[in-house]
Amino acid sequence: MRKGEKFVWNEEREKRFEELKQRLVSAPVLTLPSGSGGFQIYSDASKKGLGCVLMQHGKVIAYASRQLKPYEVNYPTHDLELETVVSALKIWRHYLYGESCDVFTDYKSLKYIFTQRELNMRQRHWLELLKDYDTNI
């Protein structure tokens, strides 16, 4: 649709709508984890919030997101990216503890923290928490 164009409900739109309804009711959007291993976390942070997805064998297990707290708005990008990963590990600890997990995130911003010599207490705490998990970032 284009700006100023009048909305018309036609056969094509009806067909697409029915297809969407069928997909939503026929296959589960979220699945339960099957056994162990094969977990992936996809995470991203912005100046508005944090978001992540837990997947196993290409299927979505869970979603998580939240707005930034007022004091977090001032965090640098690499801190927000790391906080998103740490939050995901805390939320899904019961699935991920003791399991190998691949984490997909904006690695370029995290590279700063992993190569930095002097870290603040918040960053040290997060890196210590990361050591509890078998993660590949």
N, C-alpha and C. Protein backbone atom coordinates (compact mmCIF):
# COMPACT_ATOMS: atom_id res chain seq x y z
N MET A 1 0.83 -1.18 0.00
CA MET A 1 0.00 0.00 0.00
C MET A 1 0.87 1.24 0.00
N ARG A 2 0.38 2.24 -0.63
CA ARG A 2 1.08 3.51 -0.70
C ARG A 2 0.33 4.56 0.09
N LYS A 3 1.06 5.58 0.47
CA LYS A 3 0.45 6.66 1.22
C LYS A 3 -0.63 7.32 0.37
N GLY A 4 -1.77 7.51 0.97
CA GLY A 4 -2.88 8.13 0.28
C GLY A 4 -3.75 7.17 -0.49
N GLU A 5 -3.29 5.92 -0.64
CA GLU A 5 -4.07 4.91 -1.36
C GLU A 5 -5.16 4.36 -0.45
N LYS A 6 -6.35 4.21 -0.97
CA LYS A 6 -7.47 3.71 -0.19
C LYS A 6 -7.32 2.20 0.03
N PHE A 7 -7.58 1.77 1.26
CA PHE A 7 -7.47 0.35 1.59
C PHE A 7 -8.68 -0.41 1.05
N VAL A 8 -8.39 -1.48 0.31
CA VAL A 8 -9.45 -2.31 -0.25
C VAL A 8 -9.16 -3.76 0.12
N TRP A 9 -10.15 -4.41 0.74
CA TRP A 9 -10.01 -5.82 1.11
C TRP A 9 -10.39 -6.65 -0.11
N ASN A 10 -9.38 -7.29 -0.73
CA ASN A 10 -9.63 -8.05 -1.95
C ASN A 10 -9.31 -9.54 -1.73
N GLU A 11 -9.42 -10.32 -2.79
CA GLU A 11 -9.20 -11.76 -2.69
C GLU A 11 -7.77 -12.10 -2.27
N GLU A 12 -6.81 -11.37 -2.80
CA GLU A 12 -5.41 -11.65 -2.44
C GLU A 12 -5.17 -11.42 -0.95
N ARG A 13 -5.68 -10.33 -0.42
CA ARG A 13 -5.51 -10.05 1.01
C ARG A 13 -6.25 -11.07 1.86
N GLU A 14 -7.41 -11.48 1.42
CA GLU A 14 -8.16 -12.51 2.13
C GLU A 14 -7.37 -13.82 2.15
N LYS A 15 -6.77 -14.17 1.02
CA LYS A 15 -5.98 -15.39 0.93
C LYS A 15 -4.78 -15.34 1.88
N ARG A 16 -4.08 -14.20 1.91
CA ARG A 16 -2.93 -14.03 2.80
C ARG A 16 -3.35 -14.10 4.27
N PHE A 17 -4.47 -13.49 4.58
CA PHE A 17 -4.98 -13.51 5.95
C PHE A 17 -5.32 -14.93 6.39
N GLU A 18 -5.97 -15.68 5.53
CA GLU A 18 -6.31 -17.08 5.85
C GLU A 18 -5.04 -17.93 6.01
N GLU A 19 -4.04 -17.66 5.17
CA GLU A 19 -2.77 -18.38 5.28
C GLU A 19 -2.10 -18.10 6.62
N LEU A 20 -2.11 -16.84 7.03
CA LEU A 20 -1.54 -16.46 8.32
C LEU A 20 -2.28 -17.15 9.46
N LYS A 21 -3.60 -17.14 9.42
CA LYS A 21 -4.38 -17.81 10.47
C LYS A 21 -4.05 -19.30 10.52
N GLN A 22 -3.94 -19.93 9.37
CA GLN A 22 -3.64 -21.36 9.32
C GLN A 22 -2.27 -21.67 9.91
N ARG A 23 -1.28 -20.85 9.59
CA ARG A 23 0.07 -21.07 10.14
C ARG A 23 0.10 -20.90 11.65
N LEU A 24 -0.67 -19.96 12.15
CA LEU A 24 -0.67 -19.72 13.59
C LEU A 24 -1.34 -20.85 14.36
N VAL A 25 -2.32 -21.50 13.78
CA VAL A 25 -3.02 -22.56 14.51
C VAL A 25 -2.50 -23.95 14.20
N SER A 26 -1.78 -24.14 13.10
CA SER A 26 -1.37 -25.49 12.73
C SER A 26 -0.03 -25.90 13.35
N ALA A 27 0.94 -25.04 13.39
CA ALA A 27 2.24 -25.39 13.95
C ALA A 27 2.53 -24.48 15.13
N PRO A 28 3.08 -25.04 16.19
CA PRO A 28 3.38 -24.19 17.35
C PRO A 28 4.44 -23.16 17.02
N VAL A 29 4.23 -21.96 17.52
CA VAL A 29 5.20 -20.90 17.33
C VAL A 29 6.40 -21.14 18.23
N LEU A 30 6.14 -21.57 19.46
CA LEU A 30 7.19 -21.93 20.40
C LEU A 30 7.18 -23.44 20.60
N THR A 31 8.36 -24.01 20.78
CA THR A 31 8.45 -25.44 21.02
C THR A 31 9.16 -25.69 22.34
N LEU A 32 8.99 -26.88 22.86
CA LEU A 32 9.71 -27.28 24.07
C LEU A 32 11.09 -27.79 23.68
N PRO A 33 12.08 -27.59 24.54
CA PRO A 33 13.41 -28.10 24.21
C PRO A 33 13.41 -29.63 24.14
N SER A 34 14.17 -30.16 23.20
CA SER A 34 14.25 -31.61 23.05
C SER A 34 15.62 -32.08 23.51
N GLY A 35 15.67 -32.72 24.64
CA GLY A 35 16.94 -33.22 25.16
C GLY A 35 17.87 -32.09 25.52
N SER A 36 19.15 -32.32 25.28
CA SER A 36 20.13 -31.29 25.62
C SER A 36 20.99 -30.97 24.41
N GLY A 37 21.66 -29.85 24.48
CA GLY A 37 22.56 -29.43 23.42
C GLY A 37 21.87 -28.71 22.29
N GLY A 38 22.69 -28.08 21.46
CA GLY A 38 22.16 -27.40 20.30
C GLY A 38 21.47 -26.08 20.58
N PHE A 39 21.75 -25.46 21.73
CA PHE A 39 21.10 -24.19 22.07
C PHE A 39 21.83 -23.03 21.41
N GLN A 40 21.05 -22.05 20.96
CA GLN A 40 21.59 -20.80 20.44
C GLN A 40 20.81 -19.65 21.07
N ILE A 41 21.54 -18.58 21.35
CA ILE A 41 20.91 -17.34 21.82
C ILE A 41 21.23 -16.26 20.80
N TYR A 42 20.20 -15.59 20.33
CA TYR A 42 20.35 -14.43 19.46
C TYR A 42 19.96 -13.22 20.28
N SER A 43 20.89 -12.28 20.43
CA SER A 43 20.59 -11.13 21.28
C SER A 43 20.95 -9.83 20.58
N ASP A 44 20.27 -8.77 20.99
CA ASP A 44 20.56 -7.45 20.47
C ASP A 44 20.12 -6.41 21.49
N ALA A 45 20.81 -5.29 21.47
CA ALA A 45 20.49 -4.20 22.38
C ALA A 45 20.38 -2.91 21.57
N SER A 46 19.54 -2.03 22.04
CA SER A 46 19.42 -0.71 21.43
C SER A 46 19.35 0.31 22.56
N LYS A 47 19.22 1.55 22.21
CA LYS A 47 19.10 2.60 23.23
C LYS A 47 17.72 2.62 23.89
N LYS A 48 16.83 1.75 23.44
CA LYS A 48 15.48 1.66 24.01
C LYS A 48 15.28 0.41 24.86
N GLY A 49 15.94 -0.71 24.49
CA GLY A 49 15.70 -1.94 25.22
C GLY A 49 16.64 -3.06 24.83
N LEU A 50 16.42 -4.20 25.48
CA LEU A 50 17.21 -5.41 25.27
C LEU A 50 16.28 -6.51 24.78
N GLY A 51 16.77 -7.35 23.88
CA GLY A 51 15.95 -8.44 23.39
C GLY A 51 16.79 -9.65 23.05
N CYS A 52 16.22 -10.85 23.26
CA CYS A 52 16.94 -12.08 22.94
C CYS A 52 15.96 -13.21 22.65
N VAL A 53 16.47 -14.20 21.91
CA VAL A 53 15.69 -15.37 21.53
C VAL A 53 16.51 -16.60 21.86
N LEU A 54 15.88 -17.59 22.48
CA LEU A 54 16.52 -18.87 22.74
C LEU A 54 16.01 -19.86 21.72
N MET A 55 16.94 -20.51 21.01
CA MET A 55 16.57 -21.48 19.99
C MET A 55 17.31 -22.80 20.22
N GLN A 56 16.72 -23.87 19.71
CA GLN A 56 17.37 -25.17 19.73
C GLN A 56 17.06 -25.88 18.42
N HIS A 57 18.10 -26.28 17.72
CA HIS A 57 17.96 -26.97 16.43
C HIS A 57 17.08 -26.17 15.46
N GLY A 58 17.24 -24.84 15.45
CA GLY A 58 16.51 -23.99 14.52
C GLY A 58 15.08 -23.68 14.90
N LYS A 59 14.63 -24.12 16.08
CA LYS A 59 13.26 -23.85 16.52
C LYS A 59 13.29 -22.93 17.73
N VAL A 60 12.33 -22.01 17.77
CA VAL A 60 12.28 -21.04 18.85
C VAL A 60 11.73 -21.69 20.12
N ILE A 61 12.47 -21.53 21.21
CA ILE A 61 12.05 -22.03 22.52
C ILE A 61 11.38 -20.90 23.31
N ALA A 62 12.01 -19.71 23.32
CA ALA A 62 11.47 -18.60 24.11
C ALA A 62 12.00 -17.27 23.61
N TYR A 63 11.24 -16.23 23.91
CA TYR A 63 11.63 -14.85 23.64
C TYR A 63 11.73 -14.12 24.96
N ALA A 64 12.59 -13.10 25.01
CA ALA A 64 12.64 -12.24 26.19
C ALA A 64 13.05 -10.84 25.73
N SER A 65 12.43 -9.84 26.32
CA SER A 65 12.82 -8.46 26.03
C SER A 65 12.38 -7.58 27.19
N ARG A 66 13.01 -6.43 27.28
CA ARG A 66 12.61 -5.46 28.29
C ARG A 66 13.14 -4.09 27.91
N GLN A 67 12.49 -3.08 28.48
CA GLN A 67 12.95 -1.71 28.27
C GLN A 67 14.16 -1.46 29.16
N LEU A 68 14.95 -0.48 28.76
CA LEU A 68 16.08 -0.09 29.60
C LEU A 68 15.58 0.67 30.81
N LYS A 69 16.26 0.47 31.92
CA LYS A 69 15.97 1.26 33.11
C LYS A 69 16.59 2.64 32.91
N PRO A 70 16.10 3.65 33.63
CA PRO A 70 16.59 5.01 33.39
C PRO A 70 18.11 5.16 33.48
N TYR A 71 18.75 4.47 34.42
CA TYR A 71 20.19 4.59 34.55
C TYR A 71 20.95 3.82 33.46
N GLU A 72 20.31 2.83 32.83
CA GLU A 72 20.97 2.05 31.79
C GLU A 72 21.05 2.79 30.45
N VAL A 73 20.24 3.82 30.29
CA VAL A 73 20.23 4.58 29.04
C VAL A 73 21.62 5.18 28.78
N ASN A 74 22.37 5.44 29.83
CA ASN A 74 23.70 6.05 29.69
C ASN A 74 24.81 5.02 29.47
N TYR A 75 24.51 3.74 29.52
CA TYR A 75 25.53 2.72 29.31
C TYR A 75 26.05 2.77 27.88
N PRO A 76 27.34 2.51 27.68
CA PRO A 76 27.85 2.41 26.31
C PRO A 76 27.31 1.16 25.61
N THR A 77 27.40 1.13 24.30
CA THR A 77 26.83 0.04 23.50
C THR A 77 27.38 -1.32 23.90
N HIS A 78 28.68 -1.41 24.13
CA HIS A 78 29.25 -2.72 24.47
C HIS A 78 28.73 -3.23 25.81
N ASP A 79 28.45 -2.33 26.74
CA ASP A 79 27.85 -2.75 28.01
C ASP A 79 26.43 -3.27 27.81
N LEU A 80 25.66 -2.59 26.97
CA LEU A 80 24.29 -3.03 26.71
C LEU A 80 24.27 -4.39 26.03
N GLU A 81 25.16 -4.61 25.08
CA GLU A 81 25.23 -5.91 24.39
C GLU A 81 25.58 -7.02 25.38
N LEU A 82 26.56 -6.75 26.24
CA LEU A 82 26.95 -7.76 27.23
C LEU A 82 25.83 -7.99 28.24
N GLU A 83 25.15 -6.93 28.64
CA GLU A 83 24.04 -7.08 29.58
C GLU A 83 22.92 -7.94 28.98
N THR A 84 22.69 -7.81 27.69
CA THR A 84 21.67 -8.62 27.03
C THR A 84 22.03 -10.10 27.09
N VAL A 85 23.29 -10.42 26.83
CA VAL A 85 23.74 -11.82 26.89
C VAL A 85 23.62 -12.35 28.32
N VAL A 86 24.07 -11.56 29.28
CA VAL A 86 24.00 -11.98 30.69
C VAL A 86 22.55 -12.16 31.13
N SER A 87 21.68 -11.25 30.73
CA SER A 87 20.26 -11.38 31.07
C SER A 87 19.67 -12.66 30.51
N ALA A 88 20.02 -12.98 29.27
CA ALA A 88 19.51 -14.20 28.65
C ALA A 88 19.99 -15.44 29.41
N LEU A 89 21.26 -15.44 29.79
CA LEU A 89 21.79 -16.58 30.54
C LEU A 89 21.10 -16.72 31.90
N LYS A 90 20.79 -15.61 32.54
CA LYS A 90 20.09 -15.67 33.82
C LYS A 90 18.66 -16.16 33.65
N ILE A 91 17.97 -15.64 32.64
CA ILE A 91 16.57 -16.02 32.43
C ILE A 91 16.44 -17.50 32.11
N TRP A 92 17.31 -18.00 31.24
CA TRP A 92 17.19 -19.39 30.78
C TRP A 92 18.24 -20.30 31.42
N ARG A 93 18.65 -19.96 32.64
CA ARG A 93 19.67 -20.73 33.35
C ARG A 93 19.29 -22.21 33.43
N HIS A 94 18.03 -22.52 33.68
CA HIS A 94 17.59 -23.90 33.84
C HIS A 94 17.76 -24.71 32.56
N TYR A 95 17.80 -24.06 31.41
CA TYR A 95 18.07 -24.76 30.15
C TYR A 95 19.56 -24.82 29.84
N LEU A 96 20.29 -23.76 30.16
CA LEU A 96 21.63 -23.55 29.63
C LEU A 96 22.77 -23.97 30.55
N TYR A 97 22.51 -24.07 31.86
CA TYR A 97 23.60 -24.38 32.78
C TYR A 97 24.10 -25.80 32.51
N GLY A 98 25.38 -25.93 32.25
CA GLY A 98 25.98 -27.23 31.95
C GLY A 98 25.85 -27.65 30.50
N GLU A 99 25.26 -26.81 29.67
CA GLU A 99 25.08 -27.11 28.24
C GLU A 99 25.96 -26.18 27.41
N SER A 100 26.36 -26.65 26.25
CA SER A 100 27.07 -25.80 25.31
C SER A 100 26.06 -24.90 24.60
N CYS A 101 26.41 -23.65 24.46
CA CYS A 101 25.47 -22.68 23.89
C CYS A 101 26.22 -21.71 22.99
N ASP A 102 25.71 -21.50 21.79
CA ASP A 102 26.26 -20.51 20.88
C ASP A 102 25.48 -19.21 21.04
N VAL A 103 26.20 -18.10 21.20
CA VAL A 103 25.57 -16.80 21.37
C VAL A 103 25.90 -15.95 20.15
N PHE A 104 24.85 -15.44 19.51
CA PHE A 104 25.01 -14.58 18.34
C PHE A 104 24.60 -13.17 18.73
N THR A 105 25.55 -12.25 18.64
CA THR A 105 25.30 -10.87 19.03
C THR A 105 26.19 -9.96 18.19
N ASP A 106 26.13 -8.68 18.47
CA ASP A 106 26.99 -7.73 17.78
C ASP A 106 28.38 -7.83 18.38
N TYR A 107 29.18 -8.73 17.84
CA TYR A 107 30.47 -9.05 18.44
C TYR A 107 31.44 -7.88 18.39
N LYS A 108 31.32 -7.03 17.39
CA LYS A 108 32.27 -5.93 17.27
C LYS A 108 32.23 -5.02 18.49
N SER A 109 31.06 -4.81 19.04
CA SER A 109 30.98 -3.96 20.23
C SER A 109 31.46 -4.71 21.47
N LEU A 110 31.31 -6.03 21.50
CA LEU A 110 31.79 -6.79 22.66
C LEU A 110 33.29 -7.01 22.62
N LYS A 111 33.88 -6.92 21.45
CA LYS A 111 35.32 -7.12 21.33
C LYS A 111 36.08 -6.16 22.25
N TYR A 112 35.52 -4.97 22.43
CA TYR A 112 36.14 -3.97 23.31
C TYR A 112 36.29 -4.51 24.73
N ILE A 113 35.26 -5.11 25.27
CA ILE A 113 35.29 -5.59 26.66
C ILE A 113 36.27 -6.74 26.81
N PHE A 114 36.30 -7.66 25.84
CA PHE A 114 37.17 -8.82 25.96
C PHE A 114 38.64 -8.47 25.80
N THR A 115 38.96 -7.32 25.23
CA THR A 115 40.36 -6.91 25.06
C THR A 115 40.77 -5.81 26.04
N GLN A 116 39.84 -5.32 26.83
CA GLN A 116 40.10 -4.23 27.76
C GLN A 116 40.85 -4.75 28.99
N ARG A 117 41.85 -3.99 29.45
CA ARG A 117 42.59 -4.40 30.64
C ARG A 117 41.89 -3.97 31.92
N GLU A 118 41.39 -2.75 31.93
CA GLU A 118 40.74 -2.24 33.13
C GLU A 118 39.24 -2.20 32.91
N LEU A 119 38.52 -2.95 33.72
CA LEU A 119 37.07 -3.01 33.63
C LEU A 119 36.46 -2.47 34.91
N ASN A 120 35.26 -1.92 34.80
CA ASN A 120 34.58 -1.48 36.02
C ASN A 120 33.96 -2.70 36.71
N MET A 121 33.43 -2.49 37.89
CA MET A 121 32.91 -3.62 38.69
C MET A 121 31.73 -4.31 38.00
N ARG A 122 30.89 -3.55 37.34
CA ARG A 122 29.74 -4.13 36.64
C ARG A 122 30.22 -5.08 35.55
N GLN A 123 31.19 -4.64 34.76
CA GLN A 123 31.72 -5.47 33.67
C GLN A 123 32.41 -6.71 34.22
N ARG A 124 33.17 -6.55 35.30
CA ARG A 124 33.83 -7.71 35.92
C ARG A 124 32.81 -8.74 36.39
N HIS A 125 31.76 -8.25 37.01
CA HIS A 125 30.70 -9.13 37.50
C HIS A 125 30.07 -9.92 36.35
N TRP A 126 29.78 -9.23 35.25
CA TRP A 126 29.17 -9.89 34.10
C TRP A 126 30.11 -10.92 33.48
N LEU A 127 31.40 -10.58 33.38
CA LEU A 127 32.35 -11.53 32.80
C LEU A 127 32.53 -12.76 33.70
N GLU A 128 32.48 -12.57 35.01
CA GLU A 128 32.53 -13.71 35.93
C GLU A 128 31.32 -14.60 35.76
N LEU A 129 30.16 -14.01 35.56
CA LEU A 129 28.95 -14.80 35.33
C LEU A 129 29.05 -15.58 34.03
N LEU A 130 29.64 -14.98 33.00
CA LEU A 130 29.81 -15.67 31.72
C LEU A 130 30.69 -16.91 31.86
N LYS A 131 31.65 -16.86 32.79
CA LYS A 131 32.55 -18.00 32.98
C LYS A 131 31.83 -19.23 33.53
N ASP A 132 30.65 -19.04 34.13
CA ASP A 132 29.88 -20.17 34.66
C ASP A 132 29.24 -21.01 33.56
N TYR A 133 29.20 -20.49 32.35
CA TYR A 133 28.50 -21.15 31.25
C TYR A 133 29.47 -21.54 30.15
N ASP A 134 29.11 -22.58 29.41
CA ASP A 134 29.89 -23.02 28.26
C ASP A 134 29.34 -22.32 27.02
N THR A 135 29.81 -21.09 26.79
CA THR A 135 29.27 -20.29 25.69
C THR A 135 30.33 -20.02 24.64
N ASN A 136 29.90 -19.93 23.41
CA ASN A 136 30.73 -19.50 22.29
C ASN A 136 30.10 -18.24 21.73
N ILE A 137 30.79 -17.12 21.88
CA ILE A 137 30.22 -15.85 21.42
C ILE A 137 30.84 -15.51 20.06
